[in-house]
Amino acid sequence: MIRKFLLDENFFGKITTEEKAYWLGFILADGSVSKENRRNCITLSLSRKDKEHLYKFKKSIKATYDIKDKIVYLKAKEHSILNLGYIAKK
């Protein structure tokens, strides 16, 4: 299977730096891990005001994935968010 988008899949293989520990904690606090079509998926969704933070994460993991602008509804109120998702090939 040829990937359309790339990233450093071994970034979290060993947590040897403060940067890796920070991003792992960030995912645990603000991200989600799920299954899509029997494959593992990690998603980060942040407010548009935090977009630079999402771009920093994308750069750290060397991702070529697009950051998508989405509208979500929480308690009948519209919110604009930015979303970065990754689906594992295994």
Protein backbone atom coordinates (compact mmCIF):
# COMPACT_ATOMS: atom_id res chain seq x y z
CA MET A 1 0.00 0.00 0.00
CA ILE A 2 1.48 3.35 -1.04
CA ARG A 3 0.78 6.20 1.34
CA LYS A 4 -0.64 9.45 0.04
CA PHE A 5 0.68 11.32 3.10
CA LEU A 6 3.75 10.67 5.22
CA LEU A 7 4.99 11.17 8.79
CA ASP A 8 7.65 9.84 11.13
CA GLU A 9 5.88 6.67 12.31
CA ASN A 10 8.65 6.00 14.83
CA PHE A 11 8.42 9.43 16.49
CA PHE A 12 6.86 7.94 19.64
CA GLY A 13 8.78 4.63 19.46
CA LYS A 14 11.02 5.69 22.33
CA ILE A 15 10.30 8.76 24.41
CA THR A 16 13.87 10.08 24.69
CA THR A 17 13.31 13.85 24.58
CA GLU A 18 11.18 16.42 26.36
CA GLU A 19 9.60 17.29 23.01
CA LYS A 20 8.34 13.71 22.50
CA ALA A 21 7.08 13.53 26.09
CA TYR A 22 5.27 16.85 25.68
CA TRP A 23 3.52 15.82 22.45
CA LEU A 24 2.55 12.44 23.87
CA GLY A 25 0.96 14.17 26.87
CA PHE A 26 -0.70 16.63 24.52
CA ILE A 27 -2.31 13.81 22.53
CA LEU A 28 -3.47 12.14 25.75
CA ALA A 29 -5.02 15.40 26.96
CA ASP A 30 -6.47 16.88 23.74
CA GLY A 31 -6.41 14.11 21.16
CA SER A 32 -8.34 10.97 20.47
CA VAL A 33 -7.37 7.45 19.49
CA SER A 34 -9.94 5.36 17.65
CA LYS A 35 -10.43 2.69 15.01
CA GLU A 36 -11.46 3.53 11.46
CA ASN A 37 -11.99 0.64 9.08
CA ARG A 38 -10.14 -1.67 11.52
CA ARG A 39 -7.11 0.64 11.56
CA ASN A 40 -5.78 2.78 14.40
CA CYS A 41 -6.39 6.51 14.08
CA ILE A 42 -5.00 9.45 16.06
CA THR A 43 -6.78 12.78 15.77
CA LEU A 44 -6.06 16.21 17.22
CA SER A 45 -8.78 18.84 17.00
CA LEU A 46 -8.07 22.33 18.32
CA SER A 47 -9.71 25.71 18.28
CA ARG A 48 -8.66 27.89 15.36
CA LYS A 49 -6.92 30.22 17.85
CA ASP A 50 -4.48 27.37 18.59
CA LYS A 51 -3.59 26.69 14.96
CA GLU A 52 0.12 27.45 15.39
CA HIS A 53 0.33 24.73 18.02
CA LEU A 54 -1.14 22.19 15.60
CA TYR A 55 1.36 23.26 12.95
CA LYS A 56 4.22 22.79 15.46
CA PHE A 57 3.03 19.24 16.16
CA LYS A 58 2.74 18.52 12.45
CA LYS A 59 6.32 19.74 11.94
CA SER A 60 7.64 17.68 14.88
CA ILE A 61 6.26 14.42 13.48
CA LYS A 62 7.25 15.42 9.92
CA ALA A 63 3.67 14.96 8.70
CA THR A 64 2.58 15.82 5.19
CA TYR A 65 -1.08 15.43 6.18
CA ASP A 66 -3.37 18.39 5.63
CA ILE A 67 -4.78 20.31 8.56
CA LYS A 68 -8.50 20.56 7.89
CA ASP A 69 -10.82 23.37 8.90
CA LYS A 70 -14.11 22.00 10.25
CA ILE A 71 -17.30 23.22 11.83
CA VAL A 72 -18.63 21.24 14.81
CA TYR A 73 -21.69 21.76 16.95
CA LEU A 74 -21.48 21.48 20.72
CA LYS A 75 -24.61 22.14 22.77
CA ALA A 76 -26.27 23.65 19.70
CA LYS A 77 -23.44 26.18 19.29
CA GLU A 78 -21.24 26.29 16.20
CA HIS A 79 -17.45 26.05 16.69
CA SER A 80 -14.72 26.33 14.08
CA ILE A 81 -11.88 23.87 14.68
CA LEU A 82 -8.75 22.65 12.97
CA ASN A 83 -8.22 18.92 12.66
CA LEU A 84 -5.13 16.80 12.00
CA GLY A 85 -5.66 13.06 11.71
CA TYR A 86 -3.44 10.07 11.07
CA ILE A 87 -4.45 6.50 10.26
CA ALA A 88 -1.83 3.82 10.90
CA LYS A 89 -1.09 1.40 8.09
CA LYS A 90 -0.97 -1.51 10.56
